């Protein structure tokens, strides 16, 4: 890349010997250690000479474009909520560009006309490097990236900072279904800010959301604004928003789009046409009535817990490079798992947790796991005359990172999709999911 830059006429420098006093700023890739486990040497050199350390999203923010921005963060659901918010805004006739941590890097997004909206997914790594971007949506918080931030308090501090920096004229939208996010809401609320919108999907809903925000009960999003409760949309009609976790994503997207000026009824109706995202509860085919679901994006137990809760009976494919805590948090969902196929570095640890509670096979590779899961699904479908027990799924939801066997979760999900596509008895037509009697 240095050769390419030199060929393009860009001056290059040796950062070991460069004069950092003359540097305007260091633009750091988000993946380079900023604070923990220790700062990268280039960060130490910059800071020693009071050189500012920022990221690409900060450069974008300093452009001060004449457009609205929604910056979406949280532990789980960021990508779906970002894409869904963009979909709702487009359906309401607004020019939209989505990117950041999702898909297109923020500096490669197109210039938008007046009235356009940038919807940006923000990881905690990016927030660390972006002191100026303040329109904030916080979905949820659970332990993640602790190695980057030192401890859970450091991780929470980074997420909350984006909301605390908001100017008085901006709206903050906060999920209210975990104690740490509620704590951030309460802290913001205690300052007297009026433009905070709480969103809740728990049963019963968080009381603050019931008083002044949005709630989802049995799949129905209701606004609770101005002292009135009004049902807006039944999410059982949205084929690509399966599960309570997607109900939260939908409600947050609705709240965001409405805050950005979309008519609330148009915004609510557009949720039903969301096409979904690859690798996030993605339907890829079926054998009989057993669906194959690609949820490769679920790289931690919290995300997998949300996926498991979507089905009554699951043939589960899990594993990869394990994260802190393993799958202990999934015990409440073990009764849904009919059989598990375990892959990658996490297979042994996951097996110890499942021992005596869930039958399993250590398949080691994804190829082997899909073959075994498909064989089981085929046998079950044949025994039941082509049908299966209600709400049965072969679910790839790894609860682990991909890096032991794949460069990223997208390649893992693509491999799963390709393997499923090669099954001889596979049907690719969509079948009804969810729905009301």
Protein backbone atom coordinates (compact mmCIF):
# COMPACT_ATOMS: atom_id res chain seq x y z
CA UNK A 1 0.00 0.00 0.00
CA UNK A 2 2.95 2.33 0.60
CA UNK A 3 4.11 1.66 -2.98
CA UNK A 4 0.62 2.50 -4.26
CA UNK A 5 0.60 5.74 -2.27
CA UNK A 6 4.04 6.75 -3.54
CA UNK A 7 2.95 6.06 -7.11
CA UNK A 8 -0.02 8.36 -6.51
CA UNK A 9 2.29 11.19 -5.47
CA UNK A 10 1.64 11.02 -1.74
CA UNK A 11 4.55 11.90 0.54
CA UNK A 12 5.53 9.03 2.84
CA UNK A 13 7.23 9.22 6.20
CA UNK A 14 8.94 6.84 8.60
CA UNK A 15 6.84 7.25 11.72
CA UNK A 16 9.69 6.08 13.95
CA UNK A 17 11.74 9.11 12.98
CA UNK A 18 9.00 11.59 12.02
CA UNK A 19 8.69 14.95 13.78
CA UNK A 20 5.39 14.48 15.64
CA UNK A 21 5.35 18.16 16.62
CA UNK A 22 4.52 18.96 12.99
CA UNK A 23 1.67 16.43 12.76
CA UNK A 24 -1.89 17.82 12.74
CA UNK A 25 -3.34 14.49 13.85
CA UNK A 26 -2.83 10.74 13.80
CA UNK A 27 -5.71 8.97 12.02
CA UNK A 28 -5.77 5.53 13.62
CA UNK A 29 -7.40 2.41 12.27
CA UNK A 30 -10.03 1.33 14.85
CA UNK A 31 -8.46 -2.11 15.22
CA UNK A 32 -5.12 -0.73 16.43
CA UNK A 33 -4.87 -0.74 20.27
CA UNK A 34 -5.62 2.72 21.68
CA UNK A 35 -5.54 2.05 25.42
CA UNK A 36 -5.67 -1.68 26.24
CA UNK A 37 -3.93 -4.00 26.71
CA UNK A 38 -1.50 -1.14 26.06
CA UNK A 39 -1.38 1.68 23.50
CA UNK A 40 0.29 0.88 20.18
CA UNK A 41 3.74 2.45 19.86
CA UNK A 42 2.49 4.93 17.27
CA UNK A 43 -0.19 6.13 19.71
CA UNK A 44 2.43 6.62 22.43
CA UNK A 45 4.64 8.63 20.08
CA UNK A 46 1.76 10.86 19.01
CA UNK A 47 0.57 11.51 22.54
CA UNK A 48 4.07 12.27 23.77
CA UNK A 49 4.03 15.32 21.49
CA UNK A 50 0.36 16.23 22.17
CA UNK A 51 -0.62 15.09 18.67
CA UNK A 52 -4.34 14.41 18.48
CA UNK A 53 -5.38 10.75 17.87
CA UNK A 54 -8.66 10.37 15.98
CA UNK A 55 -10.40 8.06 13.48
CA UNK A 56 -12.02 8.23 10.08
CA UNK A 57 -15.51 8.90 11.50
CA UNK A 58 -14.10 11.95 13.29
CA UNK A 59 -12.84 13.31 9.96
CA UNK A 60 -16.35 12.77 8.59
CA UNK A 61 -17.91 14.58 11.57
CA UNK A 62 -15.60 17.58 11.12
CA UNK A 63 -16.84 18.08 7.57
CA UNK A 64 -20.04 19.44 9.18
CA UNK A 65 -22.13 18.41 6.21
CA UNK A 66 -25.62 19.96 5.94
CA UNK A 67 -27.30 16.62 6.60
CA UNK A 68 -28.85 14.78 9.51
CA UNK A 69 -26.96 11.91 11.13
CA UNK A 70 -28.01 8.89 13.18
CA UNK A 71 -25.10 7.19 14.95
CA UNK A 72 -26.12 3.72 16.16
CA UNK A 73 -24.22 1.74 18.78
CA UNK A 74 -24.73 -1.06 21.31
CA UNK A 75 -23.41 -4.57 21.86
CA UNK A 76 -25.87 -6.47 19.67
CA UNK A 77 -28.17 -5.50 16.81
CA UNK A 78 -26.18 -2.52 15.51
CA UNK A 79 -25.93 -3.69 11.90
CA UNK A 80 -29.58 -4.73 11.58
CA UNK A 81 -30.78 -1.51 13.21
CA UNK A 82 -28.52 0.59 10.97
CA UNK A 83 -29.76 -1.13 7.81
CA UNK A 84 -33.35 -1.08 9.04
CA UNK A 85 -33.22 2.64 9.87
CA UNK A 86 -31.86 3.31 6.39
CA UNK A 87 -34.64 1.20 4.88
CA UNK A 88 -37.33 3.10 6.80
CA UNK A 89 -35.90 6.48 5.84
CA UNK A 90 -35.68 5.49 2.17
CA UNK A 91 -39.26 4.22 2.28
CA UNK A 92 -40.26 7.65 3.58
CA UNK A 93 -38.60 9.33 0.60
CA UNK A 94 -35.38 10.50 2.22
CA UNK A 95 -31.96 10.24 0.50
CA UNK A 96 -29.92 7.89 2.70
CA UNK A 97 -26.38 6.53 2.99
CA UNK A 98 -25.56 3.79 5.50
CA UNK A 99 -22.12 2.65 6.53
CA UNK A 100 -19.39 3.05 9.12
CA UNK A 101 -18.81 -0.23 10.95
CA UNK A 102 -21.41 -1.77 8.60
CA UNK A 103 -20.40 -2.21 4.97
CA UNK A 104 -19.10 1.00 3.37
CA UNK A 105 -16.45 2.93 5.34
CA UNK A 106 -17.79 6.33 6.29
CA UNK A 107 -15.34 8.31 4.13
CA UNK A 108 -16.45 6.36 1.06
CA UNK A 109 -20.14 7.25 1.51
CA UNK A 110 -21.58 9.48 -1.22
CA UNK A 111 -22.34 13.14 -0.75
CA UNK A 112 -26.05 13.50 -0.07
CA UNK A 113 -28.34 16.35 -1.11
CA UNK A 114 -30.02 18.57 1.44
CA UNK A 115 -32.54 16.53 3.41
CA UNK A 116 -30.40 13.41 3.20
CA UNK A 117 -29.51 11.32 6.24
CA UNK A 118 -26.32 9.45 7.09
CA UNK A 119 -26.99 6.34 9.20
CA UNK A 120 -23.72 5.20 10.73
CA UNK A 121 -23.00 2.07 12.73
CA UNK A 122 -20.49 2.85 15.49
CA UNK A 123 -18.44 0.20 17.27
CA UNK A 124 -16.87 1.02 20.63
CA UNK A 125 -13.51 1.05 18.83
CA UNK A 126 -14.74 3.88 16.61
CA UNK A 127 -16.40 5.85 19.40
CA UNK A 128 -13.03 5.92 21.17
CA UNK A 129 -11.66 7.89 18.21
CA UNK A 130 -14.66 10.13 17.49
CA UNK A 131 -15.12 12.94 20.03
CA UNK A 132 -17.26 15.18 17.77
CA UNK A 133 -20.05 12.92 16.51
CA UNK A 134 -23.00 13.16 18.87
CA UNK A 135 -26.41 12.04 17.44
CA UNK A 136 -26.72 8.75 19.34
CA UNK A 137 -28.82 5.59 19.47
CA UNK A 138 -27.87 3.06 22.18
CA UNK A 139 -29.44 -0.37 21.72
CA UNK A 140 -28.13 -2.47 24.60
CA UNK A 141 -25.05 -3.38 26.62
CA UNK A 142 -23.52 -6.72 27.59
CA UNK A 143 -19.88 -7.79 28.10
CA UNK A 144 -17.88 -7.52 24.87
CA UNK A 145 -14.47 -6.23 23.75
CA UNK A 146 -13.23 -6.24 27.35
CA UNK A 147 -9.68 -6.76 26.08
CA UNK A 148 -9.98 -3.44 24.23
CA UNK A 149 -11.44 -1.39 27.10
CA UNK A 150 -9.89 -3.00 30.18
CA UNK A 151 -13.10 -3.94 31.98
CA UNK A 152 -16.88 -3.63 31.68
CA UNK A 153 -16.82 -0.17 33.25
CA UNK A 154 -14.45 1.00 30.52
CA UNK A 155 -16.66 -0.48 27.82
CA UNK A 156 -19.79 1.17 29.27
CA UNK A 157 -17.93 4.46 29.61
CA UNK A 158 -17.08 4.53 25.91
CA UNK A 159 -20.68 3.81 24.87
CA UNK A 160 -22.20 6.30 27.30
CA UNK A 161 -19.74 9.01 26.29
CA UNK A 162 -21.33 9.39 22.86
CA UNK A 163 -24.70 10.17 24.46
CA UNK A 164 -23.26 12.40 27.17
CA UNK A 165 -21.51 14.56 24.54
CA UNK A 166 -24.75 15.24 22.68
CA UNK A 167 -25.75 18.83 22.19
CA UNK A 168 -29.07 19.98 23.65
CA UNK A 169 -30.87 20.04 20.29
CA UNK A 170 -30.16 16.37 19.48
CA UNK A 171 -32.34 13.37 20.38
CA UNK A 172 -30.92 10.40 22.30
CA UNK A 173 -32.68 7.04 21.85
CA UNK A 174 -31.91 4.47 24.54
CA UNK A 175 -32.85 0.79 24.87
CA UNK A 176 -34.17 0.04 28.36
CA UNK A 177 -33.85 -3.74 28.54
CA UNK A 178 -30.56 -4.13 30.43
CA UNK A 179 -29.45 -2.50 33.68
CA UNK A 180 -26.40 -0.75 32.25
CA UNK A 181 -28.38 0.99 29.51
CA UNK A 182 -31.04 1.97 32.05
CA UNK A 183 -28.26 3.42 34.19
CA UNK A 184 -27.09 5.57 31.28
CA UNK A 185 -30.68 6.71 30.64
CA UNK A 186 -31.13 7.66 34.28
CA UNK A 187 -27.86 9.60 34.27
CA UNK A 188 -28.88 11.54 31.18
CA UNK A 189 -32.38 12.10 32.54
CA UNK A 190 -31.00 13.46 35.82
CA UNK A 191 -29.39 16.36 33.94
CA UNK A 192 -32.82 17.64 32.95
CA UNK A 193 -32.53 16.75 29.28
CA UNK A 194 -35.92 16.51 27.60
CA UNK A 195 -35.05 14.86 24.29
CA UNK A 196 -34.38 11.30 25.46
CA UNK A 197 -36.58 8.55 24.00
CA UNK A 198 -36.64 5.21 25.90
CA UNK A 199 -37.50 1.97 24.06
CA UNK A 200 -38.39 -1.35 25.72
CA UNK A 201 -39.30 -4.87 24.54
CA UNK A 202 -39.18 -6.73 27.85
CA UNK A 203 -42.27 -8.23 29.47
CA UNK A 204 -43.47 -6.18 31.24
CA UNK A 205 -41.94 -3.16 29.48
CA UNK A 206 -39.67 -0.77 31.34
CA UNK A 207 -41.90 1.76 33.05
CA UNK A 208 -40.01 4.80 31.76
CA UNK A 209 -40.55 3.61 28.18
CA UNK A 210 -44.23 3.03 28.90
CA UNK A 211 -44.50 6.60 30.13
CA UNK A 212 -42.63 8.48 27.41
CA UNK A 213 -41.23 6.27 24.63
CA UNK A 214 -41.91 3.13 22.60
CA UNK A 215 -42.70 -0.39 23.81
CA UNK A 216 -43.16 -3.73 22.07
CA UNK A 217 -45.64 -6.17 23.59
CA UNK A 218 -46.39 -9.52 21.91
CA UNK A 219 -44.87 -8.21 18.69
CA UNK A 220 -46.83 -4.95 18.53
CA UNK A 221 -44.92 -1.65 18.63
CA UNK A 222 -46.80 1.09 20.46
CA UNK A 223 -45.87 4.72 20.99
CA UNK A 224 -46.32 6.01 24.51
CA UNK A 225 -45.83 9.69 23.75
CA UNK A 226 -47.75 12.67 25.10
CA UNK A 227 -49.51 10.47 27.64
CA UNK A 228 -51.25 8.39 24.97
CA UNK A 229 -50.68 4.77 23.96
CA UNK A 230 -51.10 4.01 20.27
CA UNK A 231 -50.45 0.68 18.52
CA UNK A 232 -48.42 1.29 15.35
CA UNK A 233 -47.47 -2.04 13.72
CA UNK A 234 -47.65 -5.79 14.33
CA UNK A 235 -44.17 -7.24 13.71
CA UNK A 236 -45.52 -10.75 13.21
CA UNK A 237 -46.17 -9.49 9.69
CA UNK A 238 -42.43 -8.87 9.13
CA UNK A 239 -40.94 -12.12 7.81
CA UNK A 240 -37.36 -10.87 8.22
CA UNK A 241 -37.68 -9.56 11.77
CA UNK A 242 -37.98 -12.82 13.68
CA UNK A 243 -37.55 -12.81 17.44
CA UNK A 244 -37.62 -10.40 20.37
CA UNK A 245 -34.13 -9.09 19.57
CA UNK A 246 -35.36 -7.99 16.15
CA UNK A 247 -38.37 -6.39 17.80
CA UNK A 248 -35.92 -4.18 19.66
CA UNK A 249 -34.08 -3.40 16.43
CA UNK A 250 -37.36 -2.49 14.75
CA UNK A 251 -38.56 -0.28 17.58
CA UNK A 252 -35.22 1.53 17.73
CA UNK A 253 -35.26 2.07 13.96
CA UNK A 254 -38.82 3.40 14.15
CA UNK A 255 -37.91 5.79 16.98
CA UNK A 256 -34.82 6.95 15.06
CA UNK A 257 -36.61 7.55 11.77
CA UNK A 258 -39.46 9.37 13.51
CA UNK A 259 -36.97 11.60 15.37
CA UNK A 260 -35.41 12.41 11.98
CA UNK A 261 -38.74 13.61 10.63
CA UNK A 262 -40.42 10.56 9.06
CA UNK A 263 -44.20 10.39 9.54
CA UNK A 264 -44.70 7.78 12.24
CA UNK A 265 -47.37 5.74 10.41
CA UNK A 266 -45.33 5.58 7.19
CA UNK A 267 -42.24 4.61 9.16
CA UNK A 268 -44.10 1.87 11.03
CA UNK A 269 -45.59 0.38 7.85
CA UNK A 270 -42.19 0.26 6.12
CA UNK A 271 -40.80 -2.10 8.79
CA UNK A 272 -42.83 -4.93 7.27
CA UNK A 273 -40.95 -4.75 3.95
CA UNK A 274 -37.43 -4.92 5.40
CA UNK A 275 -35.48 -7.50 3.33
CA UNK A 276 -33.14 -8.51 6.16
CA UNK A 277 -29.36 -8.69 6.37
CA UNK A 278 -26.99 -11.45 5.37
CA UNK A 279 -25.64 -13.54 8.27
CA UNK A 280 -28.22 -12.20 10.72
CA UNK A 281 -31.05 -14.72 11.12
CA UNK A 282 -30.90 -15.20 7.35
CA UNK A 283 -33.21 -17.87 5.93
CA UNK A 284 -31.24 -19.93 3.37
CA UNK A 285 -33.52 -22.88 2.64
CA UNK A 286 -35.37 -25.85 4.13
CA UNK A 287 -35.66 -29.61 4.15
CA UNK A 288 -39.29 -30.47 4.76
CA UNK A 289 -40.32 -27.79 7.24
CA UNK A 290 -36.91 -27.62 8.91
CA UNK A 291 -35.45 -24.23 8.13
CA UNK A 292 -31.72 -23.54 7.73
CA UNK A 293 -30.82 -20.20 9.34
CA UNK A 294 -27.50 -18.36 8.91
CA UNK A 295 -26.77 -16.30 12.02
CA UNK A 296 -22.99 -16.22 11.64
CA UNK A 297 -22.90 -12.64 12.96
CA UNK A 298 -23.74 -13.99 16.45
CA UNK A 299 -20.19 -13.97 17.79
CA UNK A 300 -21.05 -13.90 21.51
CA UNK A 301 -23.45 -15.68 23.84
CA UNK A 302 -25.76 -12.69 24.18
CA UNK A 303 -26.39 -12.59 20.43
CA UNK A 304 -26.87 -16.37 20.24
CA UNK A 305 -29.31 -16.27 23.15
CA UNK A 306 -31.53 -14.00 21.09
CA UNK A 307 -31.37 -16.39 18.13
CA UNK A 308 -32.13 -19.50 20.20
CA UNK A 309 -35.20 -17.82 21.65
CA UNK A 310 -36.73 -17.57 18.17
CA UNK A 311 -37.40 -21.31 17.74
CA UNK A 312 -39.07 -24.06 19.74
CA UNK A 313 -36.68 -26.78 18.55
CA UNK A 314 -33.14 -26.34 17.24
CA UNK A 315 -30.37 -28.37 15.63
CA UNK A 316 -27.56 -26.03 16.66
CA UNK A 317 -24.16 -25.44 15.02
CA UNK A 318 -21.87 -23.50 17.35
CA UNK A 319 -18.22 -22.80 18.04
CA UNK A 320 -15.20 -20.94 16.77
CA UNK A 321 -12.77 -18.88 18.82
CA UNK A 322 -14.42 -18.56 22.26
CA UNK A 323 -15.10 -15.31 24.07
CA UNK A 324 -15.07 -14.63 27.77
CA UNK A 325 -17.81 -16.55 29.61
CA UNK A 326 -18.32 -19.13 26.87
CA UNK A 327 -21.94 -20.28 26.63
CA UNK A 328 -22.85 -20.43 30.33
CA UNK A 329 -25.35 -17.63 29.78
CA UNK A 330 -27.28 -19.83 27.33
CA UNK A 331 -28.45 -22.39 29.92
CA UNK A 332 -32.00 -20.95 30.05
CA UNK A 333 -32.32 -21.77 26.32
CA UNK A 334 -30.85 -25.31 26.42
CA UNK A 335 -34.34 -26.85 26.46
CA UNK A 336 -34.81 -25.60 22.90
CA UNK A 337 -31.73 -27.43 21.56
CA UNK A 338 -32.52 -30.93 20.27
CA UNK A 339 -28.92 -31.57 19.21
CA UNK A 340 -25.69 -29.57 18.88
CA UNK A 341 -22.76 -29.85 16.49
CA UNK A 342 -19.65 -28.12 17.84
CA UNK A 343 -16.81 -26.71 15.75
CA UNK A 344 -13.51 -24.93 16.13
CA UNK A 345 -11.39 -24.01 19.14
CA UNK A 346 -14.43 -23.60 21.39
CA UNK A 347 -15.74 -27.13 20.81
CA UNK A 348 -14.16 -28.65 23.92
CA UNK A 349 -15.26 -25.88 26.28
CA UNK A 350 -18.76 -25.79 24.81
CA UNK A 351 -18.98 -29.58 25.17
CA UNK A 352 -18.20 -29.35 28.89
CA UNK A 353 -21.02 -26.84 29.35
CA UNK A 354 -23.53 -28.93 27.38
CA UNK A 355 -22.55 -32.26 29.00
CA UNK A 356 -25.55 -34.01 30.52
CA UNK A 357 -28.01 -31.37 29.31
CA UNK A 358 -27.83 -31.25 25.50
CA UNK A 359 -26.71 -34.13 23.23
CA UNK A 360 -23.84 -33.08 20.99
CA UNK A 361 -21.16 -34.16 18.53
CA UNK A 362 -17.80 -32.44 18.13
CA UNK A 363 -17.72 -32.00 14.36
CA UNK A 364 -14.61 -29.77 14.33
CA UNK A 365 -15.29 -28.11 10.94
CA UNK A 366 -18.31 -26.27 9.61
CA UNK A 367 -18.41 -28.56 6.56
CA UNK A 368 -18.75 -31.63 8.77
CA UNK A 369 -21.30 -29.96 11.04
CA UNK A 370 -23.57 -28.97 8.15
CA UNK A 371 -23.37 -32.47 6.66
CA UNK A 372 -24.33 -34.08 9.98
CA UNK A 373 -27.08 -31.53 10.70
CA UNK A 374 -28.54 -32.01 7.23
CA UNK A 375 -28.53 -35.78 7.67
CA UNK A 376 -30.43 -35.41 10.94
CA UNK A 377 -32.90 -32.95 9.39
CA UNK A 378 -33.48 -35.28 6.42
CA UNK A 379 -34.15 -38.26 8.69
CA UNK A 380 -36.58 -36.25 10.83
CA UNK A 381 -38.42 -34.90 7.78
CA UNK A 382 -38.72 -38.42 6.33
CA UNK A 383 -40.06 -39.82 9.61
CA UNK A 384 -42.71 -37.12 9.69
CA UNK A 385 -43.76 -37.45 6.07
CA UNK A 386 -41.91 -34.35 4.92
CA UNK A 387 -42.89 -32.27 7.89
CA UNK A 388 -41.10 -31.57 11.15
CA UNK A 389 -42.07 -30.49 14.59
CA UNK A 390 -43.25 -26.85 14.63
CA UNK A 391 -40.60 -24.14 14.57
CA UNK A 392 -37.64 -26.45 13.96
CA UNK A 393 -34.43 -24.93 12.61
CA UNK A 394 -30.88 -25.90 11.77
CA UNK A 395 -29.28 -22.80 13.24
CA UNK A 396 -25.72 -21.59 12.72
CA UNK A 397 -25.37 -19.17 15.62
CA UNK A 398 -21.79 -19.73 16.76
CA UNK A 399 -21.56 -17.73 20.04
CA UNK A 400 -17.87 -17.36 19.16
CA UNK A 401 -15.59 -15.42 16.86
CA UNK A 402 -14.68 -16.86 13.46
CA UNK A 403 -10.94 -16.27 13.49
CA UNK A 404 -9.82 -19.83 14.22
CA UNK A 405 -11.12 -21.11 10.87
CA UNK A 406 -12.37 -18.06 8.90
CA UNK A 407 -11.05 -14.53 8.40
CA UNK A 408 -14.40 -13.02 9.42
CA UNK A 409 -18.00 -13.94 10.20
CA UNK A 410 -19.06 -13.08 6.63
CA UNK A 411 -16.85 -15.80 5.15
CA UNK A 412 -18.13 -18.25 7.76
CA UNK A 413 -21.72 -17.39 6.87
CA UNK A 414 -21.00 -17.57 3.15
CA UNK A 415 -19.54 -21.05 3.60
CA UNK A 416 -22.63 -22.14 5.52
CA UNK A 417 -24.87 -20.75 2.78
CA UNK A 418 -22.87 -22.53 0.08
CA UNK A 419 -22.92 -25.83 1.98
CA UNK A 420 -26.67 -25.63 2.51
CA UNK A 421 -27.23 -24.70 -1.15
CA UNK A 422 -25.48 -27.92 -2.11
CA UNK A 423 -27.85 -30.17 -0.17
CA UNK A 424 -29.76 -32.44 -2.54
CA UNK A 425 -33.14 -32.21 -0.78
CA UNK A 426 -33.04 -28.47 -0.14
CA UNK A 427 -36.01 -26.26 -0.95
CA UNK A 428 -35.28 -22.56 -1.35
CA UNK A 429 -38.81 -21.21 -1.43
CA UNK A 430 -39.67 -19.11 1.62
CA UNK A 431 -42.18 -20.56 4.06
CA UNK A 432 -44.35 -18.79 6.55
CA UNK A 433 -42.64 -17.81 9.79
CA UNK A 434 -44.34 -16.54 12.88
CA UNK A 435 -47.78 -15.20 12.14
CA UNK A 436 -50.96 -15.00 14.11
CA UNK A 437 -53.93 -17.36 14.18
